[in-house]
Each structure stands twice: as C-alpha cells, then as structure tokens.
Amino acid sequence: MQIREWGTPGAGPGFDDPLGLLAACHDRIMAHCATLVRLEGHARARGFDAEACTASERVMQYFAKAGRWHHEDEEQDLVPRLKVHADEALLLLLVRLMAEHRALEAAYAPLHKALVARDPELRVGPYVSLMRAHVAAENAEVLPVARALLTPEEIAQLGAAMARRRGVRQGAR
C-alpha cells in the first residue's frame, strides 16, 4: 500500500475569488486528511520509512502554515463580514464552526506529536473525522451563504486581506 499523496492542483482560484480560494483550500485539507488515513495504515504495517516520513512532513508543513492562514482567513475576515448580514441561525452556525476551530487544534496537537515522534501507532481518526465534518459544513452552509450575502466590495476586501496575510501582492494567484 502506497501513501501516495494527492497531486498538487493546478492554478486554482486567485485572491480575486477568495471564496473559491477557501473552497480550494478545503479540497487540499481533505487531500491531506486522506494522506493521514493512508499514513496511519502504512505506519502500522511498515513503520515510518522514507515514504511515511515524507508524507508526514508534507502534512505537518501544510497545517502549520496554510492551515493556520485558512483559519485566520475565516475568523478574522470572512466571519466578521458575514455577521453583518447574518440572521440568528447563521450567527449560531458561525459561532459553532469557529468553536470547532479550537476543537480541531486540540485534536491535531496529539496527532502532530505522534507525527513528529514518528509513532507507528498514531491515531488519525479523531482529527480526520472532525475535520471532514467541519469542512463539509463550511462547504455546504457557509460558502454558499457568503456568495449570496457578501457584496462585491466585501468579497474584494476579503481577497485583499487574504493576500496580505500571505505577503502576496494583489492580483496574484
């Protein structure tokens, strides 16, 4: 069984389509979760060989940088803009999903520790299950609402903030 990671997606949405960029990030998160699931089985069967080490390093690098930026994009830029337009049901959803970010961080901590230690008994299930449910809710309930509620100006501001966070000049992908 190979750990094979998902291929790097081609040029996707840019900062001019920040909601598309968030959705593409969700796709990458799901790809890394699939890698974690394969890695768990591989590590139990073969230990942390070179292939497992490479896969775990890529996962950890992604979640350390892009994953952190993604949560900041949502918490600091998307959610505050949505709250301006939100009814009570949407507000409750946003509060729940932002609380899930803390739960995801808590679930990732022991997983990260096991990846760093190259523990062949690592357990990815709790983190992967929570992440899959979280991303599914954001894709189904938040991004479509954001597309419907946010003005073109708010979407442009969101994209600009996301670009700044990454040190990317506006207009770049």
C-alpha atoms as a PDB file:
ATOM      1  CA  MET A   1       0.000   0.000   0.000  1.00  0.00           C
ATOM      2  CA  GLN A   2       1.418   3.331  -1.007  1.00  0.00           C
ATOM      3  CA  ILE A   3       0.856   6.516   0.943  1.00  0.00           C
ATOM      4  CA  ARG A   4       0.704   8.398  -2.337  1.00  0.00           C
ATOM      5  CA  GLU A   5      -0.339  11.962  -1.738  1.00  0.00           C
ATOM      6  CA  TRP A   6      -2.874  13.725  -3.859  1.00  0.00           C
ATOM      7  CA  GLY A   7      -1.433  15.660  -6.739  1.00  0.00           C
ATOM      8  CA  THR A   8      -0.860  19.350  -6.472  1.00  0.00           C
ATOM      9  CA  PRO A   9      -3.837  21.077  -8.021  1.00  0.00           C
ATOM     10  CA  GLY A  10      -3.203  23.301 -10.999  1.00  0.00           C
ATOM     11  CA  ALA A  11      -3.724  27.017 -10.940  1.00  0.00           C
ATOM     12  CA  GLY A  12      -6.912  27.417  -8.976  1.00  0.00           C
ATOM     13  CA  PRO A  13      -8.849  30.443  -7.864  1.00  0.00           C
ATOM     14  CA  GLY A  14      -6.913  33.568  -7.013  1.00  0.00           C
ATOM     15  CA  PHE A  15      -7.405  36.271  -4.433  1.00  0.00           C
ATOM     16  CA  ASP A  16      -9.940  37.856  -6.781  1.00  0.00           C
ATOM     17  CA  ASP A  17     -12.143  34.846  -5.919  1.00  0.00           C
ATOM     18  CA  PRO A  18     -11.471  34.431  -2.192  1.00  0.00           C
ATOM     19  CA  LEU A  19     -14.482  32.179  -1.628  1.00  0.00           C
ATOM     20  CA  GLY A  20     -13.233  29.901  -4.387  1.00  0.00           C
ATOM     21  CA  LEU A  21      -9.804  30.022  -2.778  1.00  0.00           C
ATOM     22  CA  LEU A  22     -11.296  28.955   0.568  1.00  0.00           C
ATOM     23  CA  ALA A  23     -13.121  26.076  -1.158  1.00  0.00           C
ATOM     24  CA  ALA A  24      -9.887  25.025  -2.892  1.00  0.00           C
ATOM     25  CA  CYS A  25      -8.144  25.084   0.477  1.00  0.00           C
ATOM     26  CA  HIS A  26     -10.867  22.795   1.806  1.00  0.00           C
ATOM     27  CA  ASP A  27     -10.063  20.404  -1.051  1.00  0.00           C
ATOM     28  CA  ARG A  28      -6.388  20.438  -0.084  1.00  0.00           C
ATOM     29  CA  ILE A  29      -7.282  19.875   3.576  1.00  0.00           C
ATOM     30  CA  MET A  30      -9.350  16.844   2.567  1.00  0.00           C
ATOM     31  CA  ALA A  31      -6.437  15.573   0.461  1.00  0.00           C
ATOM     32  CA  HIS A  32      -4.127  15.866   3.476  1.00  0.00           C
ATOM     33  CA  CYS A  33      -6.695  14.059   5.620  1.00  0.00           C
ATOM     34  CA  ALA A  34      -6.739  11.237   3.053  1.00  0.00           C
ATOM     35  CA  THR A  35      -2.940  11.153   3.226  1.00  0.00           C
ATOM     36  CA  LEU A  36      -3.165  10.884   7.026  1.00  0.00           C
ATOM     37  CA  VAL A  37      -5.531   7.920   6.757  1.00  0.00           C
ATOM     38  CA  ARG A  38      -3.173   6.143   4.342  1.00  0.00           C
ATOM     39  CA  LEU A  39      -0.212   7.072   6.528  1.00  0.00           C
ATOM     40  CA  GLU A  40      -1.837   5.519   9.599  1.00  0.00           C
ATOM     41  CA  GLY A  41      -2.136   2.133   7.886  1.00  0.00           C
ATOM     42  CA  HIS A  42       1.283   2.391   6.304  1.00  0.00           C
ATOM     43  CA  ALA A  43       2.972   3.295   9.603  1.00  0.00           C
ATOM     44  CA  ARG A  44       1.371   0.338  11.360  1.00  0.00           C
ATOM     45  CA  ALA A  45       2.400  -2.055   8.599  1.00  0.00           C
ATOM     46  CA  ARG A  46       5.858  -0.693   7.753  1.00  0.00           C
ATOM     47  CA  GLY A  47       6.743   1.901  10.342  1.00  0.00           C
ATOM     48  CA  PHE A  48       7.934   5.345   9.423  1.00  0.00           C
ATOM     49  CA  ASP A  49      10.014   4.547   6.387  1.00  0.00           C
ATOM     50  CA  ALA A  50      11.212   7.248   3.984  1.00  0.00           C
ATOM     51  CA  GLU A  51       7.832   7.409   2.238  1.00  0.00           C
ATOM     52  CA  ALA A  52       5.962   7.825   5.518  1.00  0.00           C
ATOM     53  CA  CYS A  53       8.400  10.474   6.731  1.00  0.00           C
ATOM     54  CA  THR A  54       7.990  12.464   3.525  1.00  0.00           C
ATOM     55  CA  ALA A  55       4.190  12.260   3.695  1.00  0.00           C
ATOM     56  CA  SER A  56       4.081  13.257   7.356  1.00  0.00           C
ATOM     57  CA  GLU A  57       6.428  16.196   6.779  1.00  0.00           C
ATOM     58  CA  ARG A  58       4.215  17.499   3.964  1.00  0.00           C
ATOM     59  CA  VAL A  59       1.098  17.200   6.090  1.00  0.00           C
ATOM     60  CA  MET A  60       2.728  18.972   9.026  1.00  0.00           C
ATOM     61  CA  GLN A  61       4.082  21.744   6.803  1.00  0.00           C
ATOM     62  CA  TYR A  62       0.668  22.311   5.253  1.00  0.00           C
ATOM     63  CA  PHE A  63      -1.195  22.503   8.544  1.00  0.00           C
ATOM     64  CA  ALA A  64       1.490  24.663  10.167  1.00  0.00           C
ATOM     65  CA  LYS A  65       1.255  27.395   7.549  1.00  0.00           C
ATOM     66  CA  ALA A  66      -1.632  27.166   5.088  1.00  0.00           C
ATOM     67  CA  GLY A  67      -3.957  25.583   7.634  1.00  0.00           C
ATOM     68  CA  ARG A  68      -3.265  28.374  10.115  1.00  0.00           C
ATOM     69  CA  TRP A  69      -3.808  31.023   7.437  1.00  0.00           C
ATOM     70  CA  HIS A  70      -7.067  29.363   6.434  1.00  0.00           C
ATOM     71  CA  HIS A  71      -8.477  29.592   9.962  1.00  0.00           C
ATOM     72  CA  GLU A  72      -7.313  33.210  10.213  1.00  0.00           C
ATOM     73  CA  ASP A  73      -8.994  33.978   6.857  1.00  0.00           C
ATOM     74  CA  GLU A  74     -12.261  32.663   8.213  1.00  0.00           C
ATOM     75  CA  GLU A  75     -12.050  34.028  11.754  1.00  0.00           C
ATOM     76  CA  GLN A  76     -10.590  37.456  11.065  1.00  0.00           C
ATOM     77  CA  ASP A  77     -12.037  38.258   7.661  1.00  0.00           C
ATOM     78  CA  LEU A  78     -14.894  36.054   6.433  1.00  0.00           C
ATOM     79  CA  VAL A  79     -16.923  35.596   9.630  1.00  0.00           C
ATOM     80  CA  PRO A  80     -16.913  39.272  10.663  1.00  0.00           C
ATOM     81  CA  ARG A  81     -18.191  40.206   7.193  1.00  0.00           C
ATOM     82  CA  LEU A  82     -20.891  37.536   7.326  1.00  0.00           C
ATOM     83  CA  LYS A  83     -22.030  38.599  10.803  1.00  0.00           C
ATOM     84  CA  VAL A  84     -23.070  41.975   9.371  1.00  0.00           C
ATOM     85  CA  HIS A  85     -25.652  40.186   7.215  1.00  0.00           C
ATOM     86  CA  ALA A  86     -26.470  37.213   9.447  1.00  0.00           C
ATOM     87  CA  ASP A  87     -29.749  36.178  10.936  1.00  0.00           C
ATOM     88  CA  GLU A  88     -29.834  34.293  14.249  1.00  0.00           C
ATOM     89  CA  ALA A  89     -29.457  30.860  12.630  1.00  0.00           C
ATOM     90  CA  LEU A  90     -26.374  31.928  10.683  1.00  0.00           C
ATOM     91  CA  LEU A  91     -24.856  33.565  13.762  1.00  0.00           C
ATOM     92  CA  LEU A  92     -25.277  30.334  15.737  1.00  0.00           C
ATOM     93  CA  LEU A  93     -23.718  28.342  12.896  1.00  0.00           C
ATOM     94  CA  LEU A  94     -20.739  30.693  12.699  1.00  0.00           C
ATOM     95  CA  VAL A  95     -20.192  30.543  16.465  1.00  0.00           C
ATOM     96  CA  ARG A  96     -20.300  26.736  16.334  1.00  0.00           C
ATOM     97  CA  LEU A  97     -17.896  26.492  13.396  1.00  0.00           C
ATOM     98  CA  MET A  98     -15.409  28.911  14.940  1.00  0.00           C
ATOM     99  CA  ALA A  99     -15.533  26.890  18.179  1.00  0.00           C
ATOM    100  CA  GLU A 100     -14.777  23.830  16.076  1.00  0.00           C
ATOM    101  CA  HIS A 101     -11.516  25.522  15.053  1.00  0.00           C
ATOM    102  CA  ARG A 102     -10.404  25.279  18.698  1.00  0.00           C
ATOM    103  CA  ALA A 103     -11.555  21.645  18.832  1.00  0.00           C
ATOM    104  CA  LEU A 104      -9.605  20.917  15.647  1.00  0.00           C
ATOM    105  CA  GLU A 105      -6.485  22.498  17.130  1.00  0.00           C
ATOM    106  CA  ALA A 106      -6.910  20.377  20.258  1.00  0.00           C
ATOM    107  CA  ALA A 107      -7.419  17.204  18.177  1.00  0.00           C
ATOM    108  CA  TYR A 108      -4.401  17.997  15.996  1.00  0.00           C
ATOM    109  CA  ALA A 109      -1.990  18.510  18.929  1.00  0.00           C
ATOM    110  CA  PRO A 110      -1.584  14.794  19.844  1.00  0.00           C
ATOM    111  CA  LEU A 111      -1.579  13.842  16.165  1.00  0.00           C
ATOM    112  CA  HIS A 112       1.196  16.334  15.475  1.00  0.00           C
ATOM    113  CA  LYS A 113       3.144  14.994  18.453  1.00  0.00           C
ATOM    114  CA  ALA A 114       2.805  11.437  17.084  1.00  0.00           C
ATOM    115  CA  LEU A 115       3.887  12.567  13.602  1.00  0.00           C
ATOM    116  CA  VAL A 116       6.944  14.330  14.994  1.00  0.00           C
ATOM    117  CA  ALA A 117       7.796  11.261  17.099  1.00  0.00           C
ATOM    118  CA  ARG A 118       7.178   9.002  14.090  1.00  0.00           C
ATOM    119  CA  ASP A 119       4.946   6.868  16.262  1.00  0.00           C
ATOM    120  CA  PRO A 120       3.794   3.830  14.260  1.00  0.00           C
ATOM    121  CA  GLU A 121       0.690   3.684  16.487  1.00  0.00           C
ATOM    122  CA  LEU A 122      -0.508   7.156  15.539  1.00  0.00           C
ATOM    123  CA  ARG A 123      -4.273   7.655  15.538  1.00  0.00           C
ATOM    124  CA  VAL A 124      -5.663   9.968  12.883  1.00  0.00           C
ATOM    125  CA  GLY A 125      -9.357   9.141  13.281  1.00  0.00           C
ATOM    126  CA  PRO A 126     -10.426  11.777  15.807  1.00  0.00           C
ATOM    127  CA  TYR A 127      -8.812  14.628  13.894  1.00  0.00           C
ATOM    128  CA  VAL A 128      -9.800  13.435  10.424  1.00  0.00           C
ATOM    129  CA  SER A 129     -13.421  12.789  11.421  1.00  0.00           C
ATOM    130  CA  LEU A 130     -13.812  16.210  12.987  1.00  0.00           C
ATOM    131  CA  MET A 131     -12.093  17.930  10.066  1.00  0.00           C
ATOM    132  CA  ARG A 132     -14.212  16.161   7.456  1.00  0.00           C
ATOM    133  CA  ALA A 133     -17.438  17.145   9.224  1.00  0.00           C
ATOM    134  CA  HIS A 134     -16.213  20.706   9.711  1.00  0.00           C
ATOM    135  CA  VAL A 135     -15.214  21.195   6.074  1.00  0.00           C
ATOM    136  CA  ALA A 136     -18.468  19.642   4.870  1.00  0.00           C
ATOM    137  CA  ALA A 137     -20.453  22.135   6.974  1.00  0.00           C
ATOM    138  CA  GLU A 138     -18.424  25.091   5.753  1.00  0.00           C
ATOM    139  CA  ASN A 139     -18.762  23.980   2.124  1.00  0.00           C
ATOM    140  CA  ALA A 140     -22.490  23.308   2.374  1.00  0.00           C
ATOM    141  CA  GLU A 141     -23.607  26.029   4.752  1.00  0.00           C
ATOM    142  CA  VAL A 142     -21.116  28.900   4.864  1.00  0.00           C
ATOM    143  CA  LEU A 143     -19.587  29.356   1.433  1.00  0.00           C
ATOM    144  CA  PRO A 144     -22.911  29.359  -0.472  1.00  0.00           C
ATOM    145  CA  VAL A 145     -24.364  31.848   2.037  1.00  0.00           C
ATOM    146  CA  ALA A 146     -21.256  34.009   1.736  1.00  0.00           C
ATOM    147  CA  ARG A 147     -21.631  34.059  -2.051  1.00  0.00           C
ATOM    148  CA  ALA A 148     -25.253  35.132  -1.662  1.00  0.00           C
ATOM    149  CA  LEU A 149     -24.812  37.720   1.089  1.00  0.00           C
ATOM    150  CA  LEU A 150     -21.452  39.421   0.575  1.00  0.00           C
ATOM    151  CA  THR A 151     -21.258  42.397  -1.731  1.00  0.00           C
ATOM    152  CA  PRO A 152     -18.623  42.561  -4.474  1.00  0.00           C
ATOM    153  CA  GLU A 153     -16.778  45.128  -2.335  1.00  0.00           C
ATOM    154  CA  GLU A 154     -16.773  42.813   0.684  1.00  0.00           C
ATOM    155  CA  ILE A 155     -15.513  39.945  -1.456  1.00  0.00           C
ATOM    156  CA  ALA A 156     -12.737  42.158  -2.817  1.00  0.00           C
ATOM    157  CA  GLN A 157     -11.807  43.192   0.746  1.00  0.00           C
ATOM    158  CA  LEU A 158     -11.749  39.545   1.800  1.00  0.00           C
ATOM    159  CA  GLY A 159      -9.414  38.681  -1.075  1.00  0.00           C
ATOM    160  CA  ALA A 160      -7.132  41.615  -0.294  1.00  0.00           C
ATOM    161  CA  ALA A 161      -6.910  40.611   3.373  1.00  0.00           C
ATOM    162  CA  MET A 162      -6.107  37.016   2.430  1.00  0.00           C
ATOM    163  CA  ALA A 163      -3.387  38.170   0.049  1.00  0.00           C
ATOM    164  CA  ARG A 164      -1.854  40.465   2.682  1.00  0.00           C
ATOM    165  CA  ARG A 165      -1.812  37.637   5.222  1.00  0.00           C
ATOM    166  CA  ARG A 166       0.329  35.629   2.805  1.00  0.00           C
ATOM    167  CA  GLY A 167       2.541  38.517   1.752  1.00  0.00           C
ATOM    168  CA  VAL A 168       1.208  38.304  -1.804  1.00  0.00           C
ATOM    169  CA  ARG A 169       0.680  41.356  -3.924  1.00  0.00           C
ATOM    170  CA  GLN A 170      -2.914  41.858  -5.042  1.00  0.00           C
ATOM    171  CA  GLY A 171      -3.859  40.266  -8.343  1.00  0.00           C
ATOM    172  CA  ALA A 172      -1.542  37.281  -7.852  1.00  0.00           C
ATOM    173  CA  ARG A 173      -2.766  33.693  -7.545  1.00  0.00           C
END
